[in-house]
PDB file of all heavy atoms in Angstrom:
ATOM      1  N   TYR A   1       0.833  -1.218  -0.015  1.00  0.00           N
ATOM      2  CA  TYR A   1       0.007   0.009   0.007  1.00  0.00           C
ATOM      3  C   TYR A   1       0.866   1.260   0.013  1.00  0.00           C
ATOM      4  O   TYR A   1       0.639   2.205  -0.762  1.00  0.00           O
ATOM      5  CB  TYR A   1      -0.930  -0.040   1.242  1.00  0.00           C
ATOM      6  CG  TYR A   1      -1.747   1.209   1.409  1.00  0.00           C
ATOM      7  CD1 TYR A   1      -2.768   1.516   0.528  1.00  0.00           C
ATOM      8  CD2 TYR A   1      -1.551   2.053   2.515  1.00  0.00           C
ATOM      9  CE1 TYR A   1      -3.521   2.696   0.652  1.00  0.00           C
ATOM     10  CE2 TYR A   1      -2.315   3.191   2.688  1.00  0.00           C
ATOM     11  CZ  TYR A   1      -3.309   3.515   1.749  1.00  0.00           C
ATOM     12  OH  TYR A   1      -4.075   4.636   1.925  1.00  0.00           O
ATOM     13  N   GLU A   2       1.921   1.283   0.812  1.00  0.00           N
ATOM     14  CA  GLU A   2       2.733   2.469   0.922  1.00  0.00           C
ATOM     15  C   GLU A   2       3.586   2.640  -0.343  1.00  0.00           C
ATOM     16  O   GLU A   2       3.891   3.803  -0.770  1.00  0.00           O
ATOM     17  CB  GLU A   2       3.613   2.397   2.126  1.00  0.00           C
ATOM     18  CG  GLU A   2       2.774   2.432   3.406  1.00  0.00           C
ATOM     19  CD  GLU A   2       3.541   2.823   4.680  1.00  0.00           C
ATOM     20  OE1 GLU A   2       4.777   2.593   4.731  1.00  0.00           O
ATOM     21  OE2 GLU A   2       2.904   3.419   5.583  1.00  0.00           O
ATOM     22  N   VAL A   3       3.918   1.557  -1.030  1.00  0.00           N
ATOM     23  CA  VAL A   3       4.642   1.654  -2.333  1.00  0.00           C
ATOM     24  C   VAL A   3       3.663   2.232  -3.331  1.00  0.00           C
ATOM     25  O   VAL A   3       4.011   3.149  -4.103  1.00  0.00           O
ATOM     26  CB  VAL A   3       5.177   0.249  -2.750  1.00  0.00           C
ATOM     27  CG1 VAL A   3       5.625   0.291  -4.211  1.00  0.00           C
ATOM     28  CG2 VAL A   3       6.333  -0.149  -1.868  1.00  0.00           C
ATOM     29  N   ARG A   4       2.453   1.702  -3.352  1.00  0.00           N
ATOM     30  CA  ARG A   4       1.436   2.156  -4.322  1.00  0.00           C
ATOM     31  C   ARG A   4       1.150   3.660  -4.179  1.00  0.00           C
ATOM     32  O   ARG A   4       0.870   4.357  -5.136  1.00  0.00           O
ATOM     33  CB  ARG A   4       0.194   1.331  -4.155  1.00  0.00           C
ATOM     34  CG  ARG A   4      -0.983   1.697  -5.076  1.00  0.00           C
ATOM     35  CD  ARG A   4      -1.974   0.551  -5.213  1.00  0.00           C
ATOM     36  NE  ARG A   4      -2.442   0.053  -3.922  1.00  0.00           N
ATOM     37  CZ  ARG A   4      -3.459   0.536  -3.297  1.00  0.00           C
ATOM     38  NH1 ARG A   4      -4.130   1.596  -3.761  1.00  0.00           N
ATOM     39  NH2 ARG A   4      -3.887   0.005  -2.158  1.00  0.00           N
ATOM     40  N   CYS A   5       1.206   4.119  -2.916  1.00  0.00           N
ATOM     41  CA  CYS A   5       0.926   5.544  -2.643  1.00  0.00           C
ATOM     42  C   CYS A   5       2.171   6.415  -2.729  1.00  0.00           C
ATOM     43  O   CYS A   5       2.131   7.598  -2.434  1.00  0.00           O
ATOM     44  CB  CYS A   5       0.273   5.686  -1.268  1.00  0.00           C
ATOM     45  SG  CYS A   5      -1.376   4.936  -1.189  1.00  0.00           S
ATOM     46  N   GLY A   6       3.293   5.838  -3.094  1.00  0.00           N
ATOM     47  CA  GLY A   6       4.490   6.609  -3.414  1.00  0.00           C
ATOM     48  C   GLY A   6       5.391   6.956  -2.255  1.00  0.00           C
ATOM     49  O   GLY A   6       6.279   7.791  -2.401  1.00  0.00           O
ATOM     50  N   LEU A   7       5.240   6.266  -1.102  1.00  0.00           N
ATOM     51  CA  LEU A   7       6.135   6.601   0.054  1.00  0.00           C
ATOM     52  C   LEU A   7       7.401   5.810  -0.003  1.00  0.00           C
ATOM     53  O   LEU A   7       8.400   6.170   0.608  1.00  0.00           O
ATOM     54  CB  LEU A   7       5.371   6.276   1.341  1.00  0.00           C
ATOM     55  CG  LEU A   7       4.103   7.068   1.589  1.00  0.00           C
ATOM     56  CD1 LEU A   7       3.504   6.715   2.944  1.00  0.00           C
ATOM     57  CD2 LEU A   7       4.314   8.555   1.489  1.00  0.00           C
ATOM     58  N   PHE A   8       7.396   4.670  -0.691  1.00  0.00           N
ATOM     59  CA  PHE A   8       8.616   3.863  -0.898  1.00  0.00           C
ATOM     60  C   PHE A   8       8.709   3.475  -2.344  1.00  0.00           C
ATOM     61  O   PHE A   8       7.700   3.438  -3.072  1.00  0.00           O
ATOM     62  CB  PHE A   8       8.575   2.596  -0.076  1.00  0.00           C
ATOM     63  CG  PHE A   8       8.791   2.803   1.402  1.00  0.00           C
ATOM     64  CD1 PHE A   8       7.662   2.915   2.298  1.00  0.00           C
ATOM     65  CD2 PHE A   8      10.064   2.900   1.958  1.00  0.00           C
ATOM     66  CE1 PHE A   8       7.870   3.096   3.655  1.00  0.00           C
ATOM     67  CE2 PHE A   8      10.255   3.116   3.320  1.00  0.00           C
ATOM     68  CZ  PHE A   8       9.151   3.236   4.174  1.00  0.00           C
ATOM     69  N   ALA A   9       9.967   3.175  -2.803  1.00  0.00           N
ATOM     70  CA  ALA A   9      10.152   2.785  -4.184  1.00  0.00           C
ATOM     71  C   ALA A   9       9.678   1.331  -4.434  1.00  0.00           C
ATOM     72  O   ALA A   9       9.212   1.025  -5.521  1.00  0.00           O
ATOM     73  CB  ALA A   9      11.608   2.933  -4.615  1.00  0.00           C
ATOM     74  N   ASN A  10       9.869   0.472  -3.446  1.00  0.00           N
ATOM     75  CA  ASN A  10       9.506  -0.912  -3.589  1.00  0.00           C
ATOM     76  C   ASN A  10       9.268  -1.530  -2.232  1.00  0.00           C
ATOM     77  O   ASN A  10       9.621  -0.937  -1.189  1.00  0.00           O
ATOM     78  CB  ASN A  10      10.559  -1.702  -4.382  1.00  0.00           C
ATOM     79  CG  ASN A  10      11.969  -1.433  -3.776  1.00  0.00           C
ATOM     80  OD1 ASN A  10      12.195  -1.649  -2.626  1.00  0.00           O
ATOM     81  ND2 ASN A  10      12.874  -0.978  -4.673  1.00  0.00           N
ATOM     82  N   GLN A  11       8.745  -2.759  -2.213  1.00  0.00           N
ATOM     83  CA  GLN A  11       8.448  -3.434  -0.935  1.00  0.00           C
ATOM     84  C   GLN A  11       9.679  -3.721  -0.164  1.00  0.00           C
ATOM     85  O   GLN A  11       9.704  -3.586   1.102  1.00  0.00           O
ATOM     86  CB  GLN A  11       7.676  -4.711  -1.235  1.00  0.00           C
ATOM     87  CG  GLN A  11       7.150  -5.348   0.068  1.00  0.00           C
ATOM     88  CD  GLN A  11       6.536  -6.724  -0.150  1.00  0.00           C
ATOM     89  OE1 GLN A  11       7.225  -7.716  -0.055  1.00  0.00           O
ATOM     90  NE2 GLN A  11       5.215  -6.802  -0.437  1.00  0.00           N
ATOM     91  N   THR A  12      10.791  -4.041  -0.836  1.00  0.00           N
ATOM     92  CA  THR A  12      12.021  -4.357  -0.146  1.00  0.00           C
ATOM     93  C   THR A  12      12.524  -3.222   0.723  1.00  0.00           C
ATOM     94  O   THR A  12      12.892  -3.373   1.870  1.00  0.00           O
ATOM     95  CB  THR A  12      13.127  -4.810  -1.136  1.00  0.00           C
ATOM     96  OG1 THR A  12      12.654  -5.929  -1.895  1.00  0.00           O
ATOM     97  CG2 THR A  12      14.425  -5.163  -0.460  1.00  0.00           C
ATOM     98  N   SER A  13      12.491  -2.000   0.121  1.00  0.00           N
ATOM     99  CA  SER A  13      12.962  -0.833   0.857  1.00  0.00           C
ATOM    100  C   SER A  13      12.035  -0.527   2.052  1.00  0.00           C
ATOM    101  O   SER A  13      12.443  -0.092   3.094  1.00  0.00           O
ATOM    102  CB  SER A  13      13.070   0.387  -0.053  1.00  0.00           C
ATOM    103  OG  SER A  13      11.866   0.710  -0.643  1.00  0.00           O
ATOM    104  N   CYS A  14      10.713  -0.825   1.883  1.00  0.00           N
ATOM    105  CA  CYS A  14       9.745  -0.599   2.983  1.00  0.00           C
ATOM    106  C   CYS A  14      10.007  -1.592   4.121  1.00  0.00           C
ATOM    107  O   CYS A  14      10.100  -1.193   5.323  1.00  0.00           O
ATOM    108  CB  CYS A  14       8.351  -0.723   2.455  1.00  0.00           C
ATOM    109  SG  CYS A  14       7.042  -0.647   3.740  1.00  0.00           S
ATOM    110  N   ILE A  15      10.153  -2.859   3.805  1.00  0.00           N
ATOM    111  CA  ILE A  15      10.370  -3.900   4.795  1.00  0.00           C
ATOM    112  C   ILE A  15      11.689  -3.636   5.551  1.00  0.00           C
ATOM    113  O   ILE A  15      11.772  -3.682   6.749  1.00  0.00           O
ATOM    114  CB  ILE A  15      10.347  -5.278   4.175  1.00  0.00           C
ATOM    115  CG1 ILE A  15       8.985  -5.672   3.657  1.00  0.00           C
ATOM    116  CG2 ILE A  15      10.786  -6.326   5.223  1.00  0.00           C
ATOM    117  CD1 ILE A  15       7.943  -5.898   4.700  1.00  0.00           C
ATOM    118  N   SER A  16      12.729  -3.314   4.782  1.00  0.00           N
ATOM    119  CA  SER A  16      14.052  -3.123   5.380  1.00  0.00           C
ATOM    120  C   SER A  16      14.137  -1.843   6.228  1.00  0.00           C
ATOM    121  O   SER A  16      14.983  -1.755   7.103  1.00  0.00           O
ATOM    122  CB  SER A  16      15.191  -3.101   4.322  1.00  0.00           C
ATOM    123  OG  SER A  16      15.015  -1.994   3.446  1.00  0.00           O
ATOM    124  N   TYR A  17      13.191  -0.900   5.973  1.00  0.00           N
ATOM    125  CA  TYR A  17      13.195   0.308   6.777  1.00  0.00           C
ATOM    126  C   TYR A  17      12.983  -0.020   8.259  1.00  0.00           C
ATOM    127  O   TYR A  17      13.427   0.677   9.130  1.00  0.00           O
ATOM    128  CB  TYR A  17      12.046   1.216   6.263  1.00  0.00           C
ATOM    129  CG  TYR A  17      11.961   2.518   6.969  1.00  0.00           C
ATOM    130  CD1 TYR A  17      12.641   3.627   6.404  1.00  0.00           C
ATOM    131  CD2 TYR A  17      11.240   2.716   8.155  1.00  0.00           C
ATOM    132  CE1 TYR A  17      12.595   4.851   7.022  1.00  0.00           C
ATOM    133  CE2 TYR A  17      11.218   3.951   8.765  1.00  0.00           C
ATOM    134  CZ  TYR A  17      11.890   5.024   8.227  1.00  0.00           C
ATOM    135  OH  TYR A  17      11.858   6.276   8.838  1.00  0.00           O
ATOM    136  N   GLY A  18      12.285  -1.135   8.503  1.00  0.00           N
ATOM    137  CA  GLY A  18      12.122  -1.564   9.912  1.00  0.00           C
ATOM    138  C   GLY A  18      11.013  -0.860  10.626  1.00  0.00           C
ATOM    139  O   GLY A  18      10.982  -0.866  11.862  1.00  0.00           O
ATOM    140  N   ALA A  19      10.098  -0.195   9.860  1.00  0.00           N
ATOM    141  CA  ALA A  19       9.043   0.599  10.505  1.00  0.00           C
ATOM    142  C   ALA A  19       7.876  -0.265  10.876  1.00  0.00           C
ATOM    143  O   ALA A  19       6.934   0.276  11.454  1.00  0.00           O
ATOM    144  CB  ALA A  19       8.653   1.741   9.611  1.00  0.00           C
ATOM    145  N   ILE A  20       7.868  -1.536  10.522  1.00  0.00           N
ATOM    146  CA  ILE A  20       6.743  -2.403  10.855  1.00  0.00           C
ATOM    147  C   ILE A  20       7.187  -3.407  11.906  1.00  0.00           C
ATOM    148  O   ILE A  20       8.128  -4.162  11.710  1.00  0.00           O
ATOM    149  CB  ILE A  20       6.228  -3.125   9.614  1.00  0.00           C
ATOM    150  CG1 ILE A  20       5.645  -2.119   8.632  1.00  0.00           C
ATOM    151  CG2 ILE A  20       5.113  -4.113   9.979  1.00  0.00           C
ATOM    152  CD1 ILE A  20       5.159  -2.682   7.359  1.00  0.00           C
ATOM    153  N   TYR A  21       6.561  -3.402  13.001  1.00  0.00           N
ATOM    154  CA  TYR A  21       6.906  -4.265  14.165  1.00  0.00           C
ATOM    155  C   TYR A  21       5.789  -5.313  14.356  1.00  0.00           C
ATOM    156  O   TYR A  21       4.650  -4.959  14.536  1.00  0.00           O
ATOM    157  CB  TYR A  21       7.006  -3.401  15.402  1.00  0.00           C
ATOM    158  CG  TYR A  21       7.158  -4.181  16.713  1.00  0.00           C
ATOM    159  CD1 TYR A  21       8.183  -5.069  16.904  1.00  0.00           C
ATOM    160  CD2 TYR A  21       6.210  -4.024  17.692  1.00  0.00           C
ATOM    161  CE1 TYR A  21       8.285  -5.764  18.076  1.00  0.00           C
ATOM    162  CE2 TYR A  21       6.278  -4.741  18.890  1.00  0.00           C
ATOM    163  CZ  TYR A  21       7.345  -5.593  19.093  1.00  0.00           C
ATOM    164  OH  TYR A  21       7.437  -6.320  20.237  1.00  0.00           O
ATOM    165  N   VAL A  22       6.202  -6.602  14.285  1.00  0.00           N
ATOM    166  CA  VAL A  22       5.246  -7.664  14.507  1.00  0.00           C
ATOM    167  C   VAL A  22       5.152  -7.953  15.955  1.00  0.00           C
ATOM    168  O   VAL A  22       6.088  -8.405  16.615  1.00  0.00           O
ATOM    169  CB  VAL A  22       5.739  -8.950  13.713  1.00  0.00           C
ATOM    170  CG1 VAL A  22       4.757 -10.067  13.992  1.00  0.00           C
ATOM    171  CG2 VAL A  22       5.795  -8.640  12.252  1.00  0.00           C
ATOM    172  N   ASP A  23       3.991  -7.701  16.548  1.00  0.00           N
ATOM    173  CA  ASP A  23       3.754  -7.856  17.959  1.00  0.00           C
ATOM    174  C   ASP A  23       3.864  -9.351  18.349  1.00  0.00           C
ATOM    175  O   ASP A  23       3.150 -10.194  17.808  1.00  0.00           O
ATOM    176  CB  ASP A  23       2.331  -7.347  18.290  1.00  0.00           C
ATOM    177  CG  ASP A  23       2.104  -7.196  19.765  1.00  0.00           C
ATOM    178  OD1 ASP A  23       2.640  -8.025  20.544  1.00  0.00           O
ATOM    179  OD2 ASP A  23       1.340  -6.275  20.137  1.00  0.00           O
ATOM    180  N   PRO A  24       4.742  -9.673  19.331  1.00  0.00           N
ATOM    181  CA  PRO A  24       4.931 -11.076  19.696  1.00  0.00           C
ATOM    182  C   PRO A  24       3.700 -11.706  20.371  1.00  0.00           C
ATOM    183  O   PRO A  24       3.561 -12.927  20.395  1.00  0.00           O
ATOM    184  CB  PRO A  24       6.093 -11.026  20.669  1.00  0.00           C
ATOM    185  CG  PRO A  24       6.076  -9.623  21.203  1.00  0.00           C
ATOM    186  CD  PRO A  24       5.636  -8.781  20.060  1.00  0.00           C
ATOM    187  N   SER A  25       2.759 -10.901  20.860  1.00  0.00           N
ATOM    188  CA  SER A  25       1.599 -11.423  21.482  1.00  0.00           C
ATOM    189  C   SER A  25       0.627 -12.028  20.476  1.00  0.00           C
ATOM    190  O   SER A  25      -0.306 -12.730  20.871  1.00  0.00           O
ATOM    191  CB  SER A  25       0.881 -10.341  22.311  1.00  0.00           C
ATOM    192  OG  SER A  25       0.402  -9.306  21.495  1.00  0.00           O
ATOM    193  N   PHE A  26       0.880 -11.777  19.208  1.00  0.00           N
ATOM    194  CA  PHE A  26       0.051 -12.340  18.136  1.00  0.00           C
ATOM    195  C   PHE A  26      -0.060 -13.823  18.247  1.00  0.00           C
ATOM    196  O   PHE A  26      -1.139 -14.402  18.346  1.00  0.00           O
ATOM    197  CB  PHE A  26       0.641 -11.889  16.776  1.00  0.00           C
ATOM    198  CG  PHE A  26      -0.092 -12.407  15.583  1.00  0.00           C
ATOM    199  CD1 PHE A  26      -1.118 -11.676  15.005  1.00  0.00           C
ATOM    200  CD2 PHE A  26       0.315 -13.616  15.034  1.00  0.00           C
ATOM    201  CE1 PHE A  26      -1.767 -12.160  13.882  1.00  0.00           C
ATOM    202  CE2 PHE A  26      -0.349 -14.067  13.872  1.00  0.00           C
ATOM    203  CZ  PHE A  26      -1.418 -13.358  13.350  1.00  0.00           C
ATOM    204  N   SER A  27       1.067 -14.502  18.197  1.00  0.00           N
ATOM    205  CA  SER A  27       1.071 -15.959  18.197  1.00  0.00           C
ATOM    206  C   SER A  27       0.573 -16.523  19.577  1.00  0.00           C
ATOM    207  O   SER A  27      -0.048 -17.582  19.654  1.00  0.00           O
ATOM    208  CB  SER A  27       2.460 -16.537  17.865  1.00  0.00           C
ATOM    209  OG  SER A  27       3.395 -16.062  18.794  1.00  0.00           O
ATOM    210  N   MET A  28       0.881 -15.752  20.662  1.00  0.00           N
ATOM    211  CA  MET A  28       0.476 -16.245  21.980  1.00  0.00           C
ATOM    212  C   MET A  28      -1.023 -16.176  22.110  1.00  0.00           C
ATOM    213  O   MET A  28      -1.656 -17.058  22.785  1.00  0.00           O
ATOM    214  CB  MET A  28       1.147 -15.410  23.029  1.00  0.00           C
ATOM    215  CG  MET A  28       2.646 -15.529  23.034  1.00  0.00           C
ATOM    216  SD  MET A  28       3.468 -14.554  24.335  1.00  0.00           S
ATOM    217  CE  MET A  28       3.034 -15.494  25.789  1.00  0.00           C
ATOM    218  N   LEU A  29      -1.665 -15.168  21.543  1.00  0.00           N
ATOM    219  CA  LEU A  29      -3.131 -15.082  21.586  1.00  0.00           C
ATOM    220  C   LEU A  29      -3.698 -16.235  20.786  1.00  0.00           C
ATOM    221  O   LEU A  29      -4.694 -16.867  21.219  1.00  0.00           O
ATOM    222  CB  LEU A  29      -3.567 -13.763  20.963  1.00  0.00           C
ATOM    223  CG  LEU A  29      -5.080 -13.538  20.911  1.00  0.00           C
ATOM    224  CD1 LEU A  29      -5.688 -13.525  22.289  1.00  0.00           C
ATOM    225  CD2 LEU A  29      -5.398 -12.249  20.150  1.00  0.00           C
ATOM    226  N   VAL A  30      -3.104 -16.540  19.655  1.00  0.00           N
ATOM    227  CA  VAL A  30      -3.611 -17.659  18.804  1.00  0.00           C
ATOM    228  C   VAL A  30      -3.501 -18.947  19.608  1.00  0.00           C
ATOM    229  O   VAL A  30      -4.430 -19.755  19.647  1.00  0.00           O
ATOM    230  CB  VAL A  30      -2.712 -17.781  17.535  1.00  0.00           C
ATOM    231  CG1 VAL A  30      -3.051 -19.041  16.779  1.00  0.00           C
ATOM    232  CG2 VAL A  30      -2.945 -16.594  16.672  1.00  0.00           C
TER     233      VAL A  30
END
């Protein structure tokens, strides 16, 4: 979505930016 809206050039640069944090409680809730 952020690539499509022009904030990043590609998905790789967005993922490597490190701005997305996967909450560890996700799997514990599951």
